[in-house]
């Protein structure tokens, strides 16, 4: 089995389905831990802020990033697997790391969703 911590989309595509699933389950389990660490770091940054304005800037940045992460944090493992597979099929992402490809596609989807909400007035 390849080193699953740092693989490209091309490597992911070449893996047997069982290894693809194991990789995605690892990502799914790790996202909760990462989210918790991010929240703790944001809280620590707020505590270290030198002024109320700086504290609010940190809190605002945290809310923005958390809002962008939320769909990825709540997506089920099967949908996450499908998303990784779809991202890795894109020719421009074949040589990128799987996590980078997923993040790239997720950011595109977040932008599109935001634009849709802005256009629809809600």
Protein backbone atom coordinates (compact mmCIF):
# COMPACT_ATOMS: atom_id res chain seq x y z
CA UNK A 1 0.00 0.00 0.00
CA UNK A 2 1.25 3.49 -0.83
CA UNK A 3 2.03 6.04 1.87
CA UNK A 4 -1.52 7.37 2.22
CA UNK A 5 -0.62 10.58 3.99
CA UNK A 6 0.58 12.49 0.95
CA UNK A 7 -0.63 11.11 -2.38
CA UNK A 8 -1.50 12.68 -5.69
CA UNK A 9 -4.79 12.28 -7.48
CA UNK A 10 -3.10 10.04 -10.05
CA UNK A 11 -1.94 7.74 -7.24
CA UNK A 12 -5.40 7.82 -5.68
CA UNK A 13 -7.03 6.87 -8.99
CA UNK A 14 -4.66 3.93 -9.36
CA UNK A 15 -5.43 2.57 -5.88
CA UNK A 16 -7.85 -0.31 -5.39
CA UNK A 17 -11.31 0.77 -4.25
CA UNK A 18 -10.73 -0.60 -0.73
CA UNK A 19 -7.66 1.63 -0.31
CA UNK A 20 -9.54 4.63 -1.70
CA UNK A 21 -12.25 4.04 0.88
CA UNK A 22 -9.70 3.67 3.69
CA UNK A 23 -8.04 6.93 2.67
CA UNK A 24 -11.35 8.79 2.62
CA UNK A 25 -12.41 7.34 5.98
CA UNK A 26 -9.12 8.65 7.38
CA UNK A 27 -9.89 12.09 5.93
CA UNK A 28 -13.44 11.92 7.31
CA UNK A 29 -12.19 11.04 10.79
CA UNK A 30 -9.39 13.60 10.69
CA UNK A 31 -11.60 16.51 9.69
CA UNK A 32 -13.31 16.58 13.10
CA UNK A 33 -10.00 16.64 14.93
CA UNK A 34 -8.69 19.35 12.62
CA UNK A 35 -11.82 21.41 13.13
CA UNK A 36 -11.45 21.13 16.89
CA UNK A 37 -7.82 22.23 16.73
CA UNK A 38 -8.74 25.13 14.47
CA UNK A 39 -11.38 26.26 16.96
CA UNK A 40 -8.90 26.01 19.83
CA UNK A 41 -6.26 27.98 17.92
CA UNK A 42 -8.79 30.67 17.01
CA UNK A 43 -9.76 30.95 20.68
CA UNK A 44 -6.11 31.21 21.71
CA UNK A 45 -5.53 33.89 19.06
CA UNK A 46 -8.50 35.85 20.40
CA UNK A 47 -7.08 35.57 23.93
CA UNK A 48 -3.71 36.87 22.71
CA UNK A 49 -5.22 39.78 20.80
CA UNK A 50 -3.95 43.19 21.85
CA UNK A 51 -7.20 45.06 21.49
CA UNK A 52 -10.96 44.49 21.20
CA UNK A 53 -10.76 45.33 17.48
CA UNK A 54 -8.03 42.73 16.96
CA UNK A 55 -10.04 40.18 18.94
CA UNK A 56 -13.10 40.83 16.76
CA UNK A 57 -11.00 40.56 13.60
CA UNK A 58 -9.78 37.12 14.69
CA UNK A 59 -13.32 36.04 15.60
CA UNK A 60 -14.66 37.32 12.28
CA UNK A 61 -11.96 35.49 10.30
CA UNK A 62 -12.70 32.31 12.25
CA UNK A 63 -16.43 32.56 11.48
CA UNK A 64 -15.72 33.10 7.78
CA UNK A 65 -13.37 30.14 7.51
CA UNK A 66 -15.61 27.93 9.66
CA UNK A 67 -18.55 28.78 7.40
CA UNK A 68 -16.57 27.71 4.36
CA UNK A 69 -15.49 24.48 6.08
CA UNK A 70 -18.94 23.55 7.38
CA UNK A 71 -20.18 21.67 4.30
CA UNK A 72 -16.99 19.61 4.20
CA UNK A 73 -17.29 18.84 7.91
CA UNK A 74 -20.82 17.51 7.59
CA UNK A 75 -20.62 15.57 4.32
CA UNK A 76 -20.90 11.81 4.75
CA UNK A 77 -17.98 9.52 3.87
CA UNK A 78 -19.62 8.10 0.72
CA UNK A 79 -20.24 11.57 -0.69
CA UNK A 80 -16.74 12.60 0.31
CA UNK A 81 -15.36 9.60 -1.59
CA UNK A 82 -17.39 10.58 -4.65
CA UNK A 83 -16.12 14.15 -4.35
CA UNK A 84 -12.49 13.05 -4.17
CA UNK A 85 -12.95 10.77 -7.16
CA UNK A 86 -14.58 13.56 -9.18
CA UNK A 87 -11.88 16.07 -8.21
CA UNK A 88 -9.10 13.66 -9.09
CA UNK A 89 -10.59 13.01 -12.54
CA UNK A 90 -10.02 16.64 -13.48
CA UNK A 91 -6.91 16.73 -15.69
CA UNK A 92 -5.54 19.90 -14.07
CA UNK A 93 -5.62 18.22 -10.64
CA UNK A 94 -4.05 14.85 -11.55
CA UNK A 95 -0.60 15.79 -10.21
CA UNK A 96 -1.90 17.67 -7.17
CA UNK A 97 -2.20 16.11 -3.74
CA UNK A 98 -5.63 14.62 -3.09
CA UNK A 99 -6.28 17.00 -0.19
CA UNK A 100 -5.30 20.01 -2.33
CA UNK A 101 -7.60 18.85 -5.12
CA UNK A 102 -10.49 18.36 -2.73
CA UNK A 103 -9.89 21.77 -1.16
CA UNK A 104 -9.75 23.38 -4.61
CA UNK A 105 -13.07 21.87 -5.66
CA UNK A 106 -14.62 22.66 -2.27
CA UNK A 107 -13.59 26.33 -2.54
CA UNK A 108 -15.05 26.53 -6.04
CA UNK A 109 -18.32 25.09 -4.75
CA UNK A 110 -18.33 27.50 -1.79
CA UNK A 111 -17.81 30.48 -4.11
CA UNK A 112 -20.58 29.30 -6.43
CA UNK A 113 -22.95 28.81 -3.49
CA UNK A 114 -22.13 32.26 -2.12
CA UNK A 115 -22.69 33.86 -5.55
CA UNK A 116 -26.00 32.02 -5.89
CA UNK A 117 -27.12 33.23 -2.47
CA UNK A 118 -26.10 36.81 -3.30
CA UNK A 119 -27.94 36.75 -6.64
CA UNK A 120 -31.08 35.26 -5.11
CA UNK A 121 -31.07 37.86 -2.35
CA UNK A 122 -30.72 35.40 0.48
